[in-house]
Amino acid sequence: MVITAQLIQAGMALVPVPLKEKGPNLKNWNLPGNCVTDTRHAAQFSGINVGLAHAYCKPTPTCAIDVDHYKHGKAWLATHGIDLGNLLFSSDAVVILSGKKYSLKLLYRLPPGSSALESKKIVGPDGKSAIEFRCASKDGKTVQDLLPPSLHPAGRSYEWTGSGNPLEIPEIPADLICLWQMLISNGSRVSARRYPQSTKQSQRQESPRQVATMTDALCHISADCTYEHWRNIVWAILSTGWTCAEDVARNWSLSAPDRYNEDAFWLLANSYIPNHTNPISAGTIVHYARFGGWNG
């Protein structure tokens, strides 16, 4: 069994978390000085939960690929050419299970010389978190993930699994970190994704006329609407697979400037899963545009 002192010796920065809690309750716990990096203080974790402070680990920060919904997370990664199953069954995979259905975490180290990366979350078609890239907050302070044998609030014990050694966390694969960096820069475009053949066959032809027709229809739909309505319209635009789809969706969203938020838009756009079993299609735009008086 991996013990706390061994984790610290392996370069991990730890943070105390109350038993059966998911996060620390100490003020400023996410500052470097409040994390434990000396084995002489390992005993304080007896009988409580142990959090891994990713940003302050040595020699490089650690991170977690937090899969909150396996099916949705796997489908989303597949659109970027990444197979979640291959990651989980890699010979050096370090995986944490909490006992929650469809949920798991993969632990990695960032490449040598890397600084902590801003955490990014992808929502699934149910509006809930599907997968999250976790390391640090936007201002560089650490985030944390519970390590075994911590206790989940529901009473389940976190467990190590995977073929890898928790004391030798592997370096994050290049395709994963490239994807993460694209999310941070808002550069992950629909046109760069890998669409299933069945989806490609159903996509609309991208032509100036088709784009103009959709843009005209969108003029009859208010972006000053509920989140669900906004999400459906954005995903309907992205369902075309057009190289300009994200630009069209963003321009339409900007027509409600008091509601528009850049981070929220890119979170939504990057969360689109083209091969979902109950997809939202471009017909949704026609439906709402008709209600707005469009006769195109």
Protein backbone atom coordinates (compact mmCIF):
# COMPACT_ATOMS: atom_id res chain seq x y z
CA MET A 1 0.00 0.00 0.00
CA VAL A 2 1.30 3.46 -0.91
CA ILE A 3 1.78 5.59 2.23
CA THR A 4 1.82 9.36 2.57
CA ALA A 5 5.55 9.62 3.28
CA GLN A 6 6.30 7.74 0.05
CA LEU A 7 4.14 10.13 -1.93
CA ILE A 8 6.01 13.11 -0.51
CA GLN A 9 9.37 11.46 -1.22
CA ALA A 10 8.21 11.01 -4.83
CA GLY A 11 7.85 14.79 -5.11
CA MET A 12 4.15 15.17 -4.47
CA ALA A 13 2.76 18.20 -2.66
CA LEU A 14 -0.11 17.21 -0.39
CA VAL A 15 -2.91 19.08 1.31
CA PRO A 16 -4.96 17.88 4.30
CA VAL A 17 -8.68 17.37 3.70
CA PRO A 18 -11.23 16.48 6.40
CA LEU A 19 -12.37 12.85 6.38
CA LYS A 20 -15.27 12.22 3.97
CA GLU A 21 -14.88 15.69 2.46
CA LYS A 22 -13.85 16.38 -1.14
CA GLY A 23 -11.98 19.62 -0.50
CA PRO A 24 -9.82 21.37 2.14
CA ASN A 25 -11.39 23.67 4.71
CA LEU A 26 -8.28 25.67 5.57
CA LYS A 27 -8.01 29.27 4.41
CA ASN A 28 -5.51 29.75 1.56
CA TRP A 29 -4.91 26.01 1.35
CA ASN A 30 -4.04 26.45 -2.35
CA LEU A 31 -0.90 28.51 -1.66
CA PRO A 32 2.49 26.73 -1.83
CA GLY A 33 3.34 27.41 1.82
CA ASN A 34 0.24 25.61 3.04
CA CYS A 35 0.96 22.35 1.23
CA VAL A 36 3.01 19.53 2.74
CA THR A 37 6.24 18.68 0.92
CA ASP A 38 8.34 17.43 3.87
CA THR A 39 8.11 13.82 5.07
CA ARG A 40 8.48 15.03 8.67
CA HIS A 41 4.89 16.27 8.46
CA ALA A 42 3.44 13.13 6.87
CA ALA A 43 1.93 11.93 10.15
CA GLN A 44 -0.66 14.73 10.11
CA PHE A 45 -2.55 12.84 7.40
CA SER A 46 -3.41 9.96 9.72
CA GLY A 47 -7.19 9.51 9.82
CA ILE A 48 -7.99 12.22 7.25
CA ASN A 49 -8.25 12.54 3.49
CA VAL A 50 -5.19 13.32 1.35
CA GLY A 51 -5.34 15.84 -1.48
CA LEU A 52 -2.75 16.08 -4.27
CA ALA A 53 -1.80 19.73 -4.92
CA HIS A 54 -0.94 19.37 -8.61
CA ALA A 55 0.69 22.73 -9.33
CA TYR A 56 3.32 22.44 -6.58
CA CYS A 57 4.57 18.90 -7.22
CA LYS A 58 8.23 18.36 -8.16
CA PRO A 59 10.13 18.07 -10.42
CA THR A 60 7.15 19.02 -12.59
CA PRO A 61 3.48 19.65 -11.78
CA THR A 62 1.12 16.72 -11.81
CA CYS A 63 -2.34 16.83 -13.35
CA ALA A 64 -5.50 14.77 -13.55
CA ILE A 65 -7.72 13.87 -16.48
CA ASP A 66 -10.94 13.64 -14.50
CA VAL A 67 -13.55 11.58 -16.33
CA ASP A 68 -16.90 12.36 -14.73
CA HIS A 69 -18.94 10.45 -17.33
CA TYR A 70 -17.05 7.70 -19.11
CA LYS A 71 -19.34 7.42 -22.16
CA HIS A 72 -19.51 11.16 -22.82
CA GLY A 73 -15.82 11.71 -22.07
CA LYS A 74 -14.75 8.86 -24.33
CA ALA A 75 -16.93 10.13 -27.20
CA TRP A 76 -15.55 13.67 -26.87
CA LEU A 77 -11.91 12.55 -26.79
CA ALA A 78 -12.56 10.38 -29.85
CA THR A 79 -13.49 13.47 -31.86
CA HIS A 80 -9.90 14.62 -31.25
CA GLY A 81 -8.39 11.26 -32.19
CA ILE A 82 -7.72 10.12 -28.60
CA ASP A 83 -8.85 6.69 -27.38
CA LEU A 84 -9.69 6.77 -23.67
CA GLY A 85 -9.51 2.98 -23.49
CA ASN A 86 -5.92 3.02 -24.72
CA LEU A 87 -5.00 5.56 -22.02
CA LEU A 88 -6.56 3.45 -19.28
CA PHE A 89 -4.91 0.21 -20.35
CA SER A 90 -1.46 1.67 -20.97
CA SER A 91 1.30 -0.21 -19.15
CA ASP A 92 2.16 2.87 -17.04
CA ALA A 93 -1.39 4.15 -16.43
CA VAL A 94 -2.00 5.48 -12.90
CA VAL A 95 -5.75 5.55 -12.33
CA ILE A 96 -7.93 6.46 -9.34
CA LEU A 97 -11.44 5.11 -8.79
CA SER A 98 -13.85 6.70 -6.34
CA GLY A 99 -16.55 4.06 -6.72
CA LYS A 100 -18.85 6.50 -8.47
CA LYS A 101 -20.37 4.98 -11.60
CA TYR A 102 -18.74 6.06 -14.91
CA SER A 103 -16.14 8.12 -12.99
CA LEU A 104 -12.33 7.85 -12.80
CA LYS A 105 -9.13 9.91 -12.86
CA LEU A 106 -5.89 9.45 -14.79
CA LEU A 107 -2.82 11.02 -13.16
CA TYR A 108 0.08 12.42 -15.18
CA ARG A 109 3.10 14.67 -14.85
CA LEU A 110 3.58 17.61 -17.17
CA PRO A 111 6.69 17.55 -19.42
CA PRO A 112 10.04 18.76 -18.02
CA GLY A 113 10.20 22.54 -17.75
CA SER A 114 6.42 22.95 -17.87
CA SER A 115 4.49 25.37 -15.70
CA ALA A 116 1.12 24.48 -14.23
CA LEU A 117 -1.72 24.52 -16.77
CA GLU A 118 -5.08 26.18 -16.31
CA SER A 119 -7.82 23.65 -15.63
CA LYS A 120 -10.45 23.18 -18.34
CA LYS A 121 -13.81 21.40 -18.21
CA ILE A 122 -15.92 19.87 -20.97
CA VAL A 123 -19.65 19.42 -20.42
CA GLY A 124 -21.58 16.52 -21.87
CA PRO A 125 -24.91 16.46 -23.71
CA ASP A 126 -26.66 16.21 -20.33
CA GLY A 127 -25.26 19.61 -19.33
CA LYS A 128 -23.04 18.05 -16.63
CA SER A 129 -19.28 17.67 -16.52
CA ALA A 130 -18.03 14.95 -18.89
CA ILE A 131 -14.27 15.37 -18.55
CA GLU A 132 -11.97 17.87 -16.88
CA PHE A 133 -8.29 18.68 -17.35
CA ARG A 134 -7.13 19.59 -13.83
CA CYS A 135 -3.94 21.26 -12.62
CA ALA A 136 -4.29 24.91 -11.60
CA SER A 137 -6.69 27.83 -11.49
CA LYS A 138 -6.52 30.68 -13.99
CA ASP A 139 -4.27 32.66 -11.63
CA GLY A 140 -1.85 29.75 -11.21
CA LYS A 141 -2.94 28.49 -7.79
CA THR A 142 -3.17 24.74 -7.43
CA VAL A 143 -6.29 22.62 -7.60
CA GLN A 144 -6.36 19.30 -5.77
CA ASP A 145 -7.62 15.76 -6.23
CA LEU A 146 -8.10 13.21 -3.48
CA LEU A 147 -5.73 10.26 -3.34
CA PRO A 148 -6.36 6.78 -1.94
CA PRO A 149 -7.19 5.74 0.72
CA SER A 150 -9.28 8.89 1.19
CA LEU A 151 -12.98 8.42 1.88
CA HIS A 152 -15.60 9.81 -0.51
CA PRO A 153 -18.51 11.70 1.15
CA ALA A 154 -20.69 8.69 0.25
CA GLY A 155 -18.41 6.47 2.35
CA ARG A 156 -16.54 4.76 -0.50
CA SER A 157 -12.76 4.49 -0.41
CA TYR A 158 -10.73 5.88 -3.28
CA GLU A 159 -8.62 3.13 -4.87
CA TRP A 160 -5.51 2.92 -7.03
CA THR A 161 -5.92 0.95 -10.23
CA GLY A 162 -4.20 0.72 -13.60
CA SER A 163 -0.91 -0.99 -14.41
CA GLY A 164 1.33 1.93 -13.43
CA ASN A 165 3.06 2.82 -10.17
CA PRO A 166 1.52 5.77 -8.24
CA LEU A 167 5.03 6.71 -7.12
CA GLU A 168 6.16 6.96 -10.74
CA ILE A 169 3.43 8.98 -12.41
CA PRO A 170 3.95 8.95 -16.20
CA GLU A 171 4.37 12.00 -18.40
CA ILE A 172 1.17 13.14 -20.07
CA PRO A 173 0.88 11.92 -23.69
CA ALA A 174 1.70 14.56 -26.31
CA ASP A 175 -1.74 14.47 -27.94
CA LEU A 176 -3.46 15.07 -24.60
CA ILE A 177 -1.32 18.07 -23.67
CA CYS A 178 -1.71 19.54 -27.18
CA LEU A 179 -5.47 19.25 -26.84
CA TRP A 180 -5.35 20.85 -23.39
CA GLN A 181 -3.27 23.74 -24.67
CA MET A 182 -5.74 24.27 -27.52
CA LEU A 183 -8.57 24.46 -25.01
CA ILE A 184 -6.68 27.10 -23.07
CA SER A 185 -6.08 29.14 -26.22
CA ASN A 186 -9.66 28.59 -27.47
CA GLY A 187 -8.11 27.10 -30.59
CA SER A 188 -9.80 23.71 -30.65
CA ARG A 189 -11.96 24.04 -33.75
CA VAL A 190 -14.67 21.69 -34.92
CA SER A 191 -12.98 21.44 -38.32
CA ALA A 192 -9.95 19.82 -36.66
CA ARG A 193 -11.97 16.98 -35.16
CA ARG A 194 -12.39 13.45 -36.46
CA TYR A 195 -16.03 12.90 -37.36
CA PRO A 196 -17.46 9.39 -37.72
CA GLN A 197 -18.27 8.46 -41.34
CA SER A 198 -21.99 8.33 -40.59
CA THR A 199 -21.84 11.90 -39.29
CA LYS A 200 -19.88 13.12 -42.32
CA GLN A 201 -22.50 11.75 -44.66
CA SER A 202 -25.22 13.69 -42.88
CA GLN A 203 -23.36 17.02 -42.75
CA ARG A 204 -24.56 19.90 -44.91
CA GLN A 205 -22.53 21.13 -47.81
CA GLU A 206 -20.55 24.23 -46.91
CA SER A 207 -21.14 26.86 -49.56
CA PRO A 208 -21.58 30.65 -49.46
CA ARG A 209 -25.28 30.17 -50.19
CA GLN A 210 -25.80 27.62 -47.40
CA VAL A 211 -23.91 29.77 -44.91
CA ALA A 212 -25.87 32.88 -45.91
CA THR A 213 -29.16 31.01 -45.55
CA MET A 214 -28.28 29.85 -42.05
CA THR A 215 -27.05 33.31 -41.06
CA ASP A 216 -30.34 34.81 -42.28
CA ALA A 217 -32.33 32.26 -40.27
CA LEU A 218 -30.28 33.02 -37.15
CA CYS A 219 -31.23 36.71 -37.46
CA HIS A 220 -34.76 35.60 -36.53
CA ILE A 221 -33.63 33.80 -33.36
CA SER A 222 -32.76 35.83 -30.27
CA ALA A 223 -29.55 34.88 -28.50
CA ASP A 224 -30.98 36.57 -25.39
CA CYS A 225 -32.51 33.27 -24.26
CA THR A 226 -32.25 30.45 -21.77
CA TYR A 227 -29.04 28.40 -21.52
CA GLU A 228 -30.74 25.31 -22.96
CA HIS A 229 -32.05 27.25 -25.96
CA TRP A 230 -28.64 28.84 -26.55
CA ARG A 231 -26.87 25.48 -26.23
CA ASN A 232 -29.23 23.83 -28.71
CA ILE A 233 -28.75 26.54 -31.33
CA VAL A 234 -24.95 26.55 -30.97
CA TRP A 235 -24.76 22.77 -31.22
CA ALA A 236 -27.17 22.80 -34.18
CA ILE A 237 -24.78 25.15 -36.00
CA LEU A 238 -21.80 22.95 -35.13
CA SER A 239 -23.66 19.88 -36.42
CA THR A 240 -23.05 21.14 -39.97
CA GLY A 241 -19.34 20.33 -39.62
CA TRP A 242 -18.50 23.52 -41.52
CA THR A 243 -15.06 25.06 -41.07
CA CYS A 244 -16.83 28.36 -40.30
CA ALA A 245 -19.37 26.81 -37.89
CA GLU A 246 -17.77 28.08 -34.69
CA ASP A 247 -17.46 31.58 -36.16
CA VAL A 248 -21.14 31.55 -37.17
CA ALA A 249 -22.16 30.33 -33.70
CA ARG A 250 -19.98 32.90 -31.95
CA ASN A 251 -21.26 35.78 -34.08
CA TRP A 252 -24.85 34.77 -33.36
CA SER A 253 -24.10 34.50 -29.62
CA LEU A 254 -22.52 37.98 -29.69
CA SER A 255 -25.86 39.41 -30.82
CA ALA A 256 -26.80 39.30 -27.11
CA PRO A 257 -23.79 41.23 -25.74
CA ASP A 258 -25.17 41.49 -22.19
CA ARG A 259 -25.34 37.71 -21.98
CA TYR A 260 -22.26 36.74 -23.98
CA ASN A 261 -19.25 35.33 -22.14
CA GLU A 262 -16.19 34.26 -24.13
CA ASP A 263 -15.16 31.44 -21.79
CA ALA A 264 -18.71 30.11 -21.59
CA PHE A 265 -19.01 30.10 -25.38
CA TRP A 266 -15.80 28.13 -25.92
CA LEU A 267 -16.68 25.71 -23.14
CA LEU A 268 -19.95 25.01 -24.93
CA ALA A 269 -18.43 24.86 -28.41
CA ASN A 270 -15.66 22.52 -27.34
CA SER A 271 -18.15 20.28 -25.54
CA TYR A 272 -20.01 19.39 -28.72
CA ILE A 273 -20.08 15.65 -29.45
CA PRO A 274 -21.03 15.01 -33.10
CA ASN A 275 -21.90 11.34 -32.81
CA HIS A 276 -24.19 11.54 -29.79
CA THR A 277 -27.04 9.01 -29.89
CA ASN A 278 -29.66 11.79 -29.87
CA PRO A 279 -27.95 14.60 -31.80
CA ILE A 280 -29.20 18.13 -32.27
CA SER A 281 -29.34 18.88 -36.00
CA ALA A 282 -29.47 22.00 -38.15
CA GLY A 283 -33.23 21.47 -38.38
CA THR A 284 -33.42 22.97 -34.89
CA ILE A 285 -32.41 26.32 -36.38
CA VAL A 286 -35.20 26.18 -38.96
CA HIS A 287 -37.69 25.29 -36.22
CA TYR A 288 -36.85 28.27 -34.03
CA ALA A 289 -36.40 30.66 -36.98
CA ARG A 290 -39.95 29.90 -38.18
CA PHE A 291 -41.26 30.97 -34.77
CA GLY A 292 -39.33 34.20 -35.22
CA GLY A 293 -41.02 34.93 -38.57
CA TRP A 294 -38.42 33.55 -40.94
CA ASN A 295 -39.83 32.42 -44.31
CA GLY A 296 -36.59 31.36 -46.02
